[in-house]
């Protein structure tokens, strides 16, 4: 068994002014220094199942409440391919449970999953930072695939742990 993960974050795209750190995501036109419209181009390229093989795709920082059409494009990619799952983020670090639940009700796909709340992880320098759950959840999927059959849920005390997470927001 092999799990391949595709994720986007931290790159600087053409026309970018400066990357936004996860906790400061506020722009509707840019995320992590990449123009949100560039994600559509990436999704179109990754639609080619013959050239690109992956099981999980995530775009940490692309938030449904700020980038709904981009999140819908990510979900559509997974649905059209039919061979992967999209891990999407709904709200920002300060989103309320009510807002996240309302956004989740707008999405209905067997090819997408979302997790809440944001979590705290350490940077390479040991500083705690808040990151969207989609930053760490694909790793949980990969671990589950490596120690169990693909139909096992990434949950419980053995397969549901998230290494490196210090706390949830």
Protein backbone atom coordinates (compact mmCIF):
# COMPACT_ATOMS: atom_id res chain seq x y z
CA UNK A 1 0.00 0.00 0.00
CA UNK A 2 1.18 3.45 -0.75
CA UNK A 3 -0.39 6.76 0.12
CA UNK A 4 0.55 9.83 -1.83
CA UNK A 5 -0.26 13.24 -0.42
CA UNK A 6 -0.53 16.45 -2.40
CA UNK A 7 -0.59 19.73 -0.50
CA UNK A 8 -0.10 23.38 -1.27
CA UNK A 9 1.22 26.10 0.99
CA UNK A 10 4.03 28.51 1.57
CA UNK A 11 4.96 29.12 -2.07
CA UNK A 12 5.35 32.60 -3.47
CA UNK A 13 3.48 33.11 -6.72
CA UNK A 14 3.80 35.65 -9.47
CA UNK A 15 2.31 38.97 -8.50
CA UNK A 16 2.42 38.10 -4.82
CA UNK A 17 3.00 40.88 -2.34
CA UNK A 18 3.92 38.76 0.68
CA UNK A 19 2.92 35.40 2.11
CA UNK A 20 0.32 35.43 4.86
CA UNK A 21 0.99 33.22 7.84
CA UNK A 22 -1.79 30.81 8.71
CA UNK A 23 -3.00 32.85 11.69
CA UNK A 24 -3.21 36.01 9.58
CA UNK A 25 -5.11 34.71 6.56
CA UNK A 26 -7.50 37.47 5.57
CA UNK A 27 -7.19 38.06 1.84
CA UNK A 28 -9.84 36.87 -0.59
CA UNK A 29 -7.44 37.17 -3.54
CA UNK A 30 -4.23 35.70 -2.12
CA UNK A 31 -3.34 32.88 0.23
CA UNK A 32 0.11 31.89 1.45
CA UNK A 33 1.56 34.28 -1.12
CA UNK A 34 -0.20 32.56 -4.04
CA UNK A 35 -2.99 34.20 -6.02
CA UNK A 36 -6.16 32.24 -5.25
CA UNK A 37 -6.89 32.05 -8.99
CA UNK A 38 -3.64 30.06 -9.45
CA UNK A 39 -5.17 27.19 -7.48
CA UNK A 40 -7.73 26.71 -10.26
CA UNK A 41 -4.88 26.25 -12.73
CA UNK A 42 -3.31 23.65 -10.42
CA UNK A 43 -6.62 21.81 -10.02
CA UNK A 44 -7.03 21.69 -13.81
CA UNK A 45 -3.54 20.20 -14.20
CA UNK A 46 -4.09 17.64 -11.42
CA UNK A 47 -7.33 16.50 -13.07
CA UNK A 48 -5.17 14.33 -15.37
CA UNK A 49 -5.41 10.93 -13.64
CA UNK A 50 -2.87 9.37 -16.01
CA UNK A 51 -0.12 11.81 -15.09
CA UNK A 52 -0.87 12.52 -11.42
CA UNK A 53 -1.60 9.83 -8.85
CA UNK A 54 -2.53 10.81 -5.30
CA UNK A 55 -4.95 9.72 -2.58
CA UNK A 56 -5.31 12.88 -0.50
CA UNK A 57 -5.24 16.52 -1.53
CA UNK A 58 -5.28 19.52 0.80
CA UNK A 59 -4.77 23.25 0.42
CA UNK A 60 -4.17 24.52 3.98
CA UNK A 61 -5.19 28.15 4.33
CA UNK A 62 -7.73 28.12 1.52
CA UNK A 63 -10.76 28.74 3.73
CA UNK A 64 -14.33 28.17 2.62
CA UNK A 65 -15.56 31.35 4.31
CA UNK A 66 -13.05 33.44 2.31
CA UNK A 67 -12.41 31.32 -0.80
CA UNK A 68 -15.63 29.34 -1.38
CA UNK A 69 -15.21 28.92 -5.13
CA UNK A 70 -11.63 27.67 -4.71
CA UNK A 71 -12.68 25.15 -2.03
CA UNK A 72 -15.54 24.05 -4.30
CA UNK A 73 -12.99 23.62 -7.10
CA UNK A 74 -10.82 21.43 -4.86
CA UNK A 75 -13.83 19.30 -3.95
CA UNK A 76 -14.88 19.10 -7.63
CA UNK A 77 -11.37 17.88 -8.50
CA UNK A 78 -11.70 15.01 -6.01
CA UNK A 79 -15.25 14.19 -7.15
CA UNK A 80 -14.36 14.22 -10.85
CA UNK A 81 -11.27 12.07 -10.31
CA UNK A 82 -13.13 9.70 -8.00
CA UNK A 83 -9.87 8.31 -6.59
CA UNK A 84 -8.93 10.74 -3.82
CA UNK A 85 -10.28 12.76 -0.93
CA UNK A 86 -10.02 16.53 -0.46
CA UNK A 87 -9.31 17.75 3.06
CA UNK A 88 -10.72 21.28 3.23
CA UNK A 89 -10.79 24.08 5.79
CA UNK A 90 -13.98 25.96 6.55
CA UNK A 91 -13.13 28.89 8.79
CA UNK A 92 -10.22 30.83 10.17
CA UNK A 93 -8.49 30.41 13.50
CA UNK A 94 -11.17 32.47 15.28
CA UNK A 95 -14.18 30.88 13.57
CA UNK A 96 -17.06 29.96 15.83
CA UNK A 97 -18.54 26.48 16.00
CA UNK A 98 -21.83 27.88 14.70
CA UNK A 99 -20.18 29.37 11.59
CA UNK A 100 -18.21 26.20 10.87
CA UNK A 101 -21.32 24.02 11.25
CA UNK A 102 -23.28 26.35 8.95
CA UNK A 103 -20.53 26.18 6.32
CA UNK A 104 -20.28 22.39 6.65
CA UNK A 105 -24.01 22.08 5.93
CA UNK A 106 -23.42 23.79 2.58
CA UNK A 107 -20.99 21.10 1.49
CA UNK A 108 -22.10 17.56 0.71
CA UNK A 109 -19.55 15.25 -0.86
CA UNK A 110 -18.32 11.72 -0.39
CA UNK A 111 -14.94 12.95 -1.65
CA UNK A 112 -14.26 15.70 0.91
CA UNK A 113 -13.69 15.95 4.64
CA UNK A 114 -13.20 18.84 7.00
CA UNK A 115 -11.88 19.06 10.53
CA UNK A 116 -12.16 21.71 13.21
CA UNK A 117 -10.69 23.44 15.21
CA UNK A 118 -7.27 24.74 14.26
CA UNK A 119 -4.37 23.15 16.12
CA UNK A 120 -1.12 24.34 17.66
CA UNK A 121 2.13 22.88 16.34
CA UNK A 122 5.74 23.90 16.87
CA UNK A 123 7.74 25.61 14.14
CA UNK A 124 11.22 24.36 13.29
CA UNK A 125 12.44 26.83 15.93
CA UNK A 126 10.09 25.49 18.60
CA UNK A 127 7.64 28.39 18.51
CA UNK A 128 3.96 27.39 18.81
CA UNK A 129 1.77 28.42 15.86
CA UNK A 130 -1.87 27.85 14.96
CA UNK A 131 -2.44 25.94 11.72
CA UNK A 132 -5.59 24.66 10.02
CA UNK A 133 -6.40 21.02 10.69
CA UNK A 134 -5.82 20.24 7.00
CA UNK A 135 -2.14 20.77 7.68
CA UNK A 136 -1.88 17.67 9.88
CA UNK A 137 -4.85 15.43 8.95
CA UNK A 138 -3.34 14.07 5.70
CA UNK A 139 -0.50 12.70 7.83
CA UNK A 140 -3.04 10.84 9.96
CA UNK A 141 -4.52 9.33 6.79
CA UNK A 142 -1.06 8.27 5.60
CA UNK A 143 -0.25 6.68 8.96
CA UNK A 144 -3.54 4.75 8.98
CA UNK A 145 -2.86 3.47 5.46
CA UNK A 146 0.63 2.33 6.51
CA UNK A 147 -0.48 0.36 9.59
CA UNK A 148 -3.95 -0.87 8.61
CA UNK A 149 -6.11 -1.59 5.60
CA UNK A 150 -7.44 1.40 3.66
CA UNK A 151 -10.99 0.92 4.92
CA UNK A 152 -9.98 1.49 8.56
CA UNK A 153 -10.97 4.88 9.98
CA UNK A 154 -8.18 7.28 10.93
CA UNK A 155 -9.54 7.41 14.46
CA UNK A 156 -9.06 6.03 17.93
CA UNK A 157 -6.09 5.89 20.26
CA UNK A 158 -3.77 4.10 17.83
CA UNK A 159 -4.66 5.43 14.38
CA UNK A 160 -6.24 8.75 15.40
CA UNK A 161 -3.32 10.38 17.15
CA UNK A 162 -1.84 13.50 15.61
CA UNK A 163 1.90 13.66 16.31
CA UNK A 164 3.29 17.13 16.81
CA UNK A 165 0.02 18.76 17.81
CA UNK A 166 0.35 20.49 21.15
CA UNK A 167 -3.29 21.48 21.56
CA UNK A 168 -6.47 22.39 19.74
CA UNK A 169 -7.68 25.99 19.66
